[in-house]
Amino acid sequence: MVENNDYIKTLAEALKARAEWLEKTELPKLKDELRAYHTGFASLYNLYLKKGLIHEDPYKHEAKIGELEVPSSATFSEADKLDLA
């Protein structure tokens, strides 16, 4: 049991050290790369819009779909069957 507690303590310390290392070294690099990617993507997107190579989504600003209702599981009457045909 003591060995298990020592292992858990060592593991927790190692994980904490790894998290600190990631926050100090890797996260700033990733943030810079993401910023550069976002800037490049936005620039290309705007350029393509100006050149007419792409168009904005015409459905982007449409109203959202309201609530959907599940149809009843009751059997159809003869009149309803004729309407569906």
PDB file of N, CA and C in Angstrom:
ATOM      1  N   MET A   1       0.818  -1.189   0.000  1.00  0.00           N
ATOM      2  CA  MET A   1       0.000   0.000   0.000  1.00  0.00           C
ATOM      3  C   MET A   1       0.866   1.259   0.000  1.00  0.00           C
ATOM      4  N   VAL A   2       1.988   1.213   0.730  1.00  0.00           N
ATOM      5  CA  VAL A   2       2.892   2.357   0.784  1.00  0.00           C
ATOM      6  C   VAL A   2       3.503   2.602  -0.586  1.00  0.00           C
ATOM      7  N   GLU A   3       3.836   1.513  -1.294  1.00  0.00           N
ATOM      8  CA  GLU A   3       4.396   1.641  -2.638  1.00  0.00           C
ATOM      9  C   GLU A   3       3.397   2.320  -3.578  1.00  0.00           C
ATOM     10  N   ASN A   4       2.121   1.975  -3.418  1.00  0.00           N
ATOM     11  CA  ASN A   4       1.067   2.555  -4.245  1.00  0.00           C
ATOM     12  C   ASN A   4       0.960   4.061  -3.990  1.00  0.00           C
ATOM     13  N   ASN A   5       1.025   4.462  -2.732  1.00  0.00           N
ATOM     14  CA  ASN A   5       0.949   5.883  -2.393  1.00  0.00           C
ATOM     15  C   ASN A   5       2.157   6.642  -2.942  1.00  0.00           C
ATOM     16  N   ASP A   6       3.355   6.023  -2.852  1.00  0.00           N
ATOM     17  CA  ASP A   6       4.546   6.653  -3.402  1.00  0.00           C
ATOM     18  C   ASP A   6       4.427   6.813  -4.917  1.00  0.00           C
ATOM     19  N   TYR A   7       3.882   5.797  -5.566  1.00  0.00           N
ATOM     20  CA  TYR A   7       3.709   5.855  -7.018  1.00  0.00           C
ATOM     21  C   TYR A   7       2.734   6.977  -7.395  1.00  0.00           C
ATOM     22  N   ILE A   8       1.639   7.076  -6.675  1.00  0.00           N
ATOM     23  CA  ILE A   8       0.637   8.107  -6.969  1.00  0.00           C
ATOM     24  C   ILE A   8       1.234   9.491  -6.750  1.00  0.00           C
ATOM     25  N   LYS A   9       2.016   9.645  -5.678  1.00  0.00           N
ATOM     26  CA  LYS A   9       2.637  10.932  -5.392  1.00  0.00           C
ATOM     27  C   LYS A   9       3.649  11.296  -6.496  1.00  0.00           C
ATOM     28  N   THR A  10       4.460  10.343  -6.902  1.00  0.00           N
ATOM     29  CA  THR A  10       5.446  10.573  -7.962  1.00  0.00           C
ATOM     30  C   THR A  10       4.752  10.892  -9.280  1.00  0.00           C
ATOM     31  N   LEU A  11       3.680  10.175  -9.572  1.00  0.00           N
ATOM     32  CA  LEU A  11       2.924  10.410 -10.801  1.00  0.00           C
ATOM     33  C   LEU A  11       2.306  11.804 -10.797  1.00  0.00           C
ATOM     34  N   ALA A  12       1.740  12.213  -9.677  1.00  0.00           N
ATOM     35  CA  ALA A  12       1.128  13.535  -9.586  1.00  0.00           C
ATOM     36  C   ALA A  12       2.173  14.628  -9.791  1.00  0.00           C
ATOM     37  N   GLU A  13       3.346  14.461  -9.219  1.00  0.00           N
ATOM     38  CA  GLU A  13       4.415  15.448  -9.396  1.00  0.00           C
ATOM     39  C   GLU A  13       4.879  15.501 -10.849  1.00  0.00           C
ATOM     40  N   ALA A  14       5.001  14.338 -11.469  1.00  0.00           N
ATOM     41  CA  ALA A  14       5.429  14.286 -12.868  1.00  0.00           C
ATOM     42  C   ALA A  14       4.388  14.936 -13.780  1.00  0.00           C
ATOM     43  N   LEU A  15       3.122  14.690 -13.507  1.00  0.00           N
ATOM     44  CA  LEU A  15       2.058  15.290 -14.311  1.00  0.00           C
ATOM     45  C   LEU A  15       2.017  16.803 -14.134  1.00  0.00           C
ATOM     46  N   LYS A  16       2.241  17.259 -12.919  1.00  0.00           N
ATOM     47  CA  LYS A  16       2.252  18.696 -12.659  1.00  0.00           C
ATOM     48  C   LYS A  16       3.427  19.355 -13.386  1.00  0.00           C
ATOM     49  N   ALA A  17       4.593  18.717 -13.352  1.00  0.00           N
ATOM     50  CA  ALA A  17       5.758  19.255 -14.052  1.00  0.00           C
ATOM     51  C   ALA A  17       5.510  19.286 -15.561  1.00  0.00           C
ATOM     52  N   ARG A  18       4.900  18.256 -16.081  1.00  0.00           N
ATOM     53  CA  ARG A  18       4.599  18.193 -17.517  1.00  0.00           C
ATOM     54  C   ARG A  18       3.613  19.298 -17.907  1.00  0.00           C
ATOM     55  N   ALA A  19       2.595  19.522 -17.073  1.00  0.00           N
ATOM     56  CA  ALA A  19       1.616  20.570 -17.354  1.00  0.00           C
ATOM     57  C   ALA A  19       2.280  21.943 -17.357  1.00  0.00           C
ATOM     58  N   GLU A  20       3.162  22.188 -16.407  1.00  0.00           N
ATOM     59  CA  GLU A  20       3.878  23.470 -16.363  1.00  0.00           C
ATOM     60  C   GLU A  20       4.756  23.645 -17.597  1.00  0.00           C
ATOM     61  N   TRP A  21       5.438  22.592 -18.005  1.00  0.00           N
ATOM     62  CA  TRP A  21       6.287  22.656 -19.197  1.00  0.00           C
ATOM     63  C   TRP A  21       5.457  22.961 -20.436  1.00  0.00           C
ATOM     64  N   LEU A  22       4.304  22.300 -20.550  1.00  0.00           N
ATOM     65  CA  LEU A  22       3.439  22.537 -21.711  1.00  0.00           C
ATOM     66  C   LEU A  22       2.946  23.976 -21.734  1.00  0.00           C
ATOM     67  N   GLU A  23       2.564  24.503 -20.578  1.00  0.00           N
ATOM     68  CA  GLU A  23       2.053  25.871 -20.514  1.00  0.00           C
ATOM     69  C   GLU A  23       3.135  26.894 -20.831  1.00  0.00           C
ATOM     70  N   LYS A  24       4.377  26.613 -20.463  1.00  0.00           N
ATOM     71  CA  LYS A  24       5.454  27.583 -20.680  1.00  0.00           C
ATOM     72  C   LYS A  24       6.052  27.503 -22.077  1.00  0.00           C
ATOM     73  N   THR A  25       6.116  26.331 -22.665  1.00  0.00           N
ATOM     74  CA  THR A  25       6.822  26.192 -23.942  1.00  0.00           C
ATOM     75  C   THR A  25       5.906  25.931 -25.125  1.00  0.00           C
ATOM     76  N   GLU A  26       5.035  24.981 -25.017  1.00  0.00           N
ATOM     77  CA  GLU A  26       4.259  24.547 -26.182  1.00  0.00           C
ATOM     78  C   GLU A  26       3.034  25.417 -26.444  1.00  0.00           C
ATOM     79  N   LEU A  27       2.323  25.822 -25.414  1.00  0.00           N
ATOM     80  CA  LEU A  27       1.110  26.614 -25.628  1.00  0.00           C
ATOM     81  C   LEU A  27       1.383  27.957 -26.299  1.00  0.00           C
ATOM     82  N   PRO A  28       2.429  28.693 -25.913  1.00  0.00           N
ATOM     83  CA  PRO A  28       2.699  29.937 -26.654  1.00  0.00           C
ATOM     84  C   PRO A  28       2.986  29.695 -28.138  1.00  0.00           C
ATOM     85  N   LYS A  29       3.710  28.621 -28.446  1.00  0.00           N
ATOM     86  CA  LYS A  29       3.974  28.296 -29.849  1.00  0.00           C
ATOM     87  C   LYS A  29       2.679  27.988 -30.587  1.00  0.00           C
ATOM     88  N   LEU A  30       1.822  27.192 -29.960  1.00  0.00           N
ATOM     89  CA  LEU A  30       0.554  26.830 -30.597  1.00  0.00           C
ATOM     90  C   LEU A  30      -0.334  28.046 -30.803  1.00  0.00           C
ATOM     91  N   LYS A  31      -0.341  28.965 -29.830  1.00  0.00           N
ATOM     92  CA  LYS A  31      -1.147  30.178 -29.971  1.00  0.00           C
ATOM     93  C   LYS A  31      -0.654  31.027 -31.133  1.00  0.00           C
ATOM     94  N   ASP A  32       0.660  31.148 -31.269  1.00  0.00           N
ATOM     95  CA  ASP A  32       1.209  31.918 -32.385  1.00  0.00           C
ATOM     96  C   ASP A  32       0.883  31.267 -33.721  1.00  0.00           C
ATOM     97  N   GLU A  33       0.998  29.953 -33.797  1.00  0.00           N
ATOM     98  CA  GLU A  33       0.686  29.247 -35.037  1.00  0.00           C
ATOM     99  C   GLU A  33      -0.790  29.356 -35.387  1.00  0.00           C
ATOM    100  N   LEU A  34      -1.648  29.275 -34.386  1.00  0.00           N
ATOM    101  CA  LEU A  34      -3.085  29.410 -34.630  1.00  0.00           C
ATOM    102  C   LEU A  34      -3.416  30.812 -35.102  1.00  0.00           C
ATOM    103  N   ARG A  35      -2.796  31.813 -34.507  1.00  0.00           N
ATOM    104  CA  ARG A  35      -3.013  33.198 -34.913  1.00  0.00           C
ATOM    105  C   ARG A  35      -2.586  33.393 -36.368  1.00  0.00           C
ATOM    106  N   ALA A  36      -1.441  32.843 -36.745  1.00  0.00           N
ATOM    107  CA  ALA A  36      -0.963  32.961 -38.126  1.00  0.00           C
ATOM    108  C   ALA A  36      -1.895  32.225 -39.082  1.00  0.00           C
ATOM    109  N   TYR A  37      -2.355  31.047 -38.696  1.00  0.00           N
ATOM    110  CA  TYR A  37      -3.280  30.279 -39.539  1.00  0.00           C
ATOM    111  C   TYR A  37      -4.580  31.050 -39.736  1.00  0.00           C
ATOM    112  N   HIS A  38      -5.112  31.606 -38.652  1.00  0.00           N
ATOM    113  CA  HIS A  38      -6.374  32.333 -38.718  1.00  0.00           C
ATOM    114  C   HIS A  38      -6.238  33.558 -39.623  1.00  0.00           C
ATOM    115  N   THR A  39      -5.133  34.287 -39.485  1.00  0.00           N
ATOM    116  CA  THR A  39      -4.896  35.466 -40.309  1.00  0.00           C
ATOM    117  C   THR A  39      -4.784  35.079 -41.781  1.00  0.00           C
ATOM    118  N   GLY A  40      -4.042  34.034 -42.062  1.00  0.00           N
ATOM    119  CA  GLY A  40      -3.892  33.580 -43.442  1.00  0.00           C
ATOM    120  C   GLY A  40      -5.203  33.115 -44.045  1.00  0.00           C
ATOM    121  N   PHE A  41      -5.975  32.378 -43.262  1.00  0.00           N
ATOM    122  CA  PHE A  41      -7.260  31.887 -43.755  1.00  0.00           C
ATOM    123  C   PHE A  41      -8.207  33.042 -44.027  1.00  0.00           C
ATOM    124  N   ALA A  42      -8.271  33.997 -43.101  1.00  0.00           N
ATOM    125  CA  ALA A  42      -9.156  35.151 -43.288  1.00  0.00           C
ATOM    126  C   ALA A  42      -8.741  35.961 -44.512  1.00  0.00           C
ATOM    127  N   SER A  43      -7.447  36.124 -44.712  1.00  0.00           N
ATOM    128  CA  SER A  43      -6.967  36.873 -45.870  1.00  0.00           C
ATOM    129  C   SER A  43      -7.354  36.181 -47.182  1.00  0.00           C
ATOM    130  N   LEU A  44      -7.128  34.881 -47.247  1.00  0.00           N
ATOM    131  CA  LEU A  44      -7.509  34.139 -48.462  1.00  0.00           C
ATOM    132  C   LEU A  44      -9.010  34.157 -48.688  1.00  0.00           C
ATOM    133  N   TYR A  45      -9.764  34.010 -47.628  1.00  0.00           N
ATOM    134  CA  TYR A  45     -11.226  34.018 -47.749  1.00  0.00           C
ATOM    135  C   TYR A  45     -11.704  35.356 -48.304  1.00  0.00           C
ATOM    136  N   ASN A  46     -11.197  36.447 -47.746  1.00  0.00           N
ATOM    137  CA  ASN A  46     -11.598  37.776 -48.231  1.00  0.00           C
ATOM    138  C   ASN A  46     -11.145  38.010 -49.666  1.00  0.00           C
ATOM    139  N   LEU A  47      -9.956  37.554 -50.013  1.00  0.00           N
ATOM    140  CA  LEU A  47      -9.465  37.690 -51.381  1.00  0.00           C
ATOM    141  C   LEU A  47     -10.357  36.932 -52.354  1.00  0.00           C
ATOM    142  N   TYR A  48     -10.710  35.696 -52.012  1.00  0.00           N
ATOM    143  CA  TYR A  48     -11.581  34.893 -52.881  1.00  0.00           C
ATOM    144  C   TYR A  48     -12.968  35.506 -53.006  1.00  0.00           C
ATOM    145  N   LEU A  49     -13.462  36.118 -51.922  1.00  0.00           N
ATOM    146  CA  LEU A  49     -14.752  36.802 -52.008  1.00  0.00           C
ATOM    147  C   LEU A  49     -14.668  37.981 -52.967  1.00  0.00           C
ATOM    148  N   LYS A  50     -13.601  38.774 -52.872  1.00  0.00           N
ATOM    149  CA  LYS A  50     -13.449  39.937 -53.742  1.00  0.00           C
ATOM    150  C   LYS A  50     -13.322  39.525 -55.203  1.00  0.00           C
ATOM    151  N   LYS A  51     -12.607  38.445 -55.470  1.00  0.00           N
ATOM    152  CA  LYS A  51     -12.409  37.982 -56.839  1.00  0.00           C
ATOM    153  C   LYS A  51     -13.635  37.265 -57.395  1.00  0.00           C
ATOM    154  N   GLY A  52     -14.581  36.931 -56.538  1.00  0.00           N
ATOM    155  CA  GLY A  52     -15.786  36.247 -56.985  1.00  0.00           C
ATOM    156  C   GLY A  52     -15.598  34.759 -57.158  1.00  0.00           C
ATOM    157  N   LEU A  53     -14.513  34.210 -56.624  1.00  0.00           N
ATOM    158  CA  LEU A  53     -14.282  32.771 -56.748  1.00  0.00           C
ATOM    159  C   LEU A  53     -15.171  31.972 -55.804  1.00  0.00           C
ATOM    160  N   ILE A  54     -15.558  32.600 -54.706  1.00  0.00           N
ATOM    161  CA  ILE A  54     -16.497  31.976 -53.779  1.00  0.00           C
ATOM    162  C   ILE A  54     -17.555  33.004 -53.417  1.00  0.00           C
ATOM    163  N   HIS A  55     -18.655  32.532 -52.902  1.00  0.00           N
ATOM    164  CA  HIS A  55     -19.752  33.403 -52.484  1.00  0.00           C
ATOM    165  C   HIS A  55     -20.142  33.035 -51.071  1.00  0.00           C
ATOM    166  N   GLU A  56     -20.638  34.039 -50.337  1.00  0.00           N
ATOM    167  CA  GLU A  56     -21.073  33.768 -48.978  1.00  0.00           C
ATOM    168  C   GLU A  56     -22.284  32.843 -48.998  1.00  0.00           C
ATOM    169  N   ASP A  57     -22.454  32.126 -47.923  1.00  0.00           N
ATOM    170  CA  ASP A  57     -23.566  31.199 -47.800  1.00  0.00           C
ATOM    171  C   ASP A  57     -24.869  31.988 -47.721  1.00  0.00           C
ATOM    172  N   PRO A  58     -25.770  31.813 -48.690  1.00  0.00           N
ATOM    173  CA  PRO A  58     -27.017  32.580 -48.649  1.00  0.00           C
ATOM    174  C   PRO A  58     -27.953  32.130 -47.531  1.00  0.00           C
ATOM    175  N   TYR A  59     -27.736  30.965 -46.985  1.00  0.00           N
ATOM    176  CA  TYR A  59     -28.609  30.451 -45.942  1.00  0.00           C
ATOM    177  C   TYR A  59     -28.073  30.718 -44.546  1.00  0.00           C
ATOM    178  N   LYS A  60     -26.955  31.399 -44.459  1.00  0.00           N
ATOM    179  CA  LYS A  60     -26.297  31.613 -43.174  1.00  0.00           C
ATOM    180  C   LYS A  60     -27.163  32.426 -42.219  1.00  0.00           C
ATOM    181  N   HIS A  61     -27.892  33.392 -42.744  1.00  0.00           N
ATOM    182  CA  HIS A  61     -28.656  34.293 -41.884  1.00  0.00           C
ATOM    183  C   HIS A  61     -30.135  33.934 -41.809  1.00  0.00           C
ATOM    184  N   GLU A  62     -30.488  32.748 -42.246  1.00  0.00           N
ATOM    185  CA  GLU A  62     -31.885  32.321 -42.173  1.00  0.00           C
ATOM    186  C   GLU A  62     -32.285  32.043 -40.739  1.00  0.00           C
ATOM    187  N   ALA A  63     -33.567  32.035 -40.518  1.00  0.00           N
ATOM    188  CA  ALA A  63     -34.088  31.734 -39.184  1.00  0.00           C
ATOM    189  C   ALA A  63     -33.818  30.267 -38.855  1.00  0.00           C
ATOM    190  N   LYS A  64     -33.631  30.018 -37.621  1.00  0.00           N
ATOM    191  CA  LYS A  64     -33.386  28.649 -37.165  1.00  0.00           C
ATOM    192  C   LYS A  64     -34.676  27.841 -37.235  1.00  0.00           C
ATOM    193  N   ILE A  65     -34.503  26.544 -37.382  1.00  0.00           N
ATOM    194  CA  ILE A  65     -35.649  25.646 -37.419  1.00  0.00           C
ATOM    195  C   ILE A  65     -36.276  25.605 -36.036  1.00  0.00           C
ATOM    196  N   GLY A  66     -37.588  25.688 -35.996  1.00  0.00           N
ATOM    197  CA  GLY A  66     -38.298  25.633 -34.719  1.00  0.00           C
ATOM    198  C   GLY A  66     -38.298  24.219 -34.165  1.00  0.00           C
ATOM    199  N   GLU A  67     -39.146  23.999 -33.247  1.00  0.00           N
ATOM    200  CA  GLU A  67     -39.205  22.677 -32.629  1.00  0.00           C
ATOM    201  C   GLU A  67     -39.822  21.676 -33.585  1.00  0.00           C
ATOM    202  N   LEU A  68     -39.278  20.495 -33.604  1.00  0.00           N
ATOM    203  CA  LEU A  68     -39.796  19.412 -34.428  1.00  0.00           C
ATOM    204  C   LEU A  68     -40.687  18.536 -33.580  1.00  0.00           C
ATOM    205  N   GLU A  69     -41.732  18.051 -34.194  1.00  0.00           N
ATOM    206  CA  GLU A  69     -42.651  17.174 -33.485  1.00  0.00           C
ATOM    207  C   GLU A  69     -42.587  15.786 -34.103  1.00  0.00           C
ATOM    208  N   VAL A  70     -42.610  14.800 -33.255  1.00  0.00           N
ATOM    209  CA  VAL A  70     -42.606  13.421 -33.712  1.00  0.00           C
ATOM    210  C   VAL A  70     -44.032  13.065 -34.133  1.00  0.00           C
ATOM    211  N   PRO A  71     -44.206  12.485 -35.314  1.00  0.00           N
ATOM    212  CA  PRO A  71     -45.556  12.105 -35.733  1.00  0.00           C
ATOM    213  C   PRO A  71     -46.100  11.004 -34.828  1.00  0.00           C
ATOM    214  N   SER A  72     -47.404  10.980 -34.731  1.00  0.00           N
ATOM    215  CA  SER A  72     -48.010   9.973 -33.859  1.00  0.00           C
ATOM    216  C   SER A  72     -47.822   8.579 -34.452  1.00  0.00           C
ATOM    217  N   SER A  73     -47.835   7.609 -33.580  1.00  0.00           N
ATOM    218  CA  SER A  73     -47.638   6.229 -34.029  1.00  0.00           C
ATOM    219  C   SER A  73     -48.963   5.523 -34.295  1.00  0.00           C
ATOM    220  N   ALA A  74     -50.052   6.282 -34.274  1.00  0.00           N
ATOM    221  CA  ALA A  74     -51.368   5.692 -34.535  1.00  0.00           C
ATOM    222  C   ALA A  74     -51.469   5.303 -36.011  1.00  0.00           C
ATOM    223  N   THR A  75     -52.322   4.352 -36.287  1.00  0.00           N
ATOM    224  CA  THR A  75     -52.495   3.903 -37.670  1.00  0.00           C
ATOM    225  C   THR A  75     -53.232   4.968 -38.472  1.00  0.00           C
ATOM    226  N   PHE A  76     -52.981   4.975 -39.774  1.00  0.00           N
ATOM    227  CA  PHE A  76     -53.639   5.935 -40.658  1.00  0.00           C
ATOM    228  C   PHE A  76     -55.060   5.488 -40.941  1.00  0.00           C
ATOM    229  N   SER A  77     -55.945   6.462 -41.039  1.00  0.00           N
ATOM    230  CA  SER A  77     -57.310   6.141 -41.459  1.00  0.00           C
ATOM    231  C   SER A  77     -57.319   6.041 -42.986  1.00  0.00           C
ATOM    232  N   GLU A  78     -58.396   5.534 -43.538  1.00  0.00           N
ATOM    233  CA  GLU A  78     -58.487   5.376 -44.993  1.00  0.00           C
ATOM    234  C   GLU A  78     -58.404   6.737 -45.696  1.00  0.00           C
ATOM    235  N   ALA A  79     -58.962   7.776 -45.123  1.00  0.00           N
ATOM    236  CA  ALA A  79     -58.918   9.112 -45.743  1.00  0.00           C
ATOM    237  C   ALA A  79     -57.484   9.628 -45.768  1.00  0.00           C
ATOM    238  N   ASP A  80     -56.755   9.398 -44.678  1.00  0.00           N
ATOM    239  CA  ASP A  80     -55.357   9.825 -44.647  1.00  0.00           C
ATOM    240  C   ASP A  80     -54.517   9.062 -45.637  1.00  0.00           C
ATOM    241  N   LYS A  81     -54.798   7.783 -45.797  1.00  0.00           N
ATOM    242  CA  LYS A  81     -54.029   6.981 -46.761  1.00  0.00           C
ATOM    243  C   LYS A  81     -54.242   7.489 -48.167  1.00  0.00           C
ATOM    244  N   LEU A  82     -55.469   7.918 -48.477  1.00  0.00           N
ATOM    245  CA  LEU A  82     -55.750   8.446 -49.809  1.00  0.00           C
ATOM    246  C   LEU A  82     -55.055   9.779 -50.039  1.00  0.00           C
ATOM    247  N   ASP A  83     -54.945  10.603 -48.971  1.00  0.00           N
ATOM    248  CA  ASP A  83     -54.262  11.898 -49.092  1.00  0.00           C
ATOM    249  C   ASP A  83     -52.762  11.707 -49.333  1.00  0.00           C
ATOM    250  N   LEU A  84     -52.175  10.667 -48.768  1.00  0.00           N
ATOM    251  CA  LEU A  84     -50.748  10.446 -48.903  1.00  0.00           C
ATOM    252  C   LEU A  84     -50.383   9.905 -50.275  1.00  0.00           C
ATOM    253  N   ALA A  85     -51.310   9.253 -50.938  1.00  0.00           N
ATOM    254  CA  ALA A  85     -51.004   8.623 -52.225  1.00  0.00           C
ATOM    255  C   ALA A  85     -50.933   9.579 -53.327  1.00  0.00           C
TER     256      ALA A  85
END
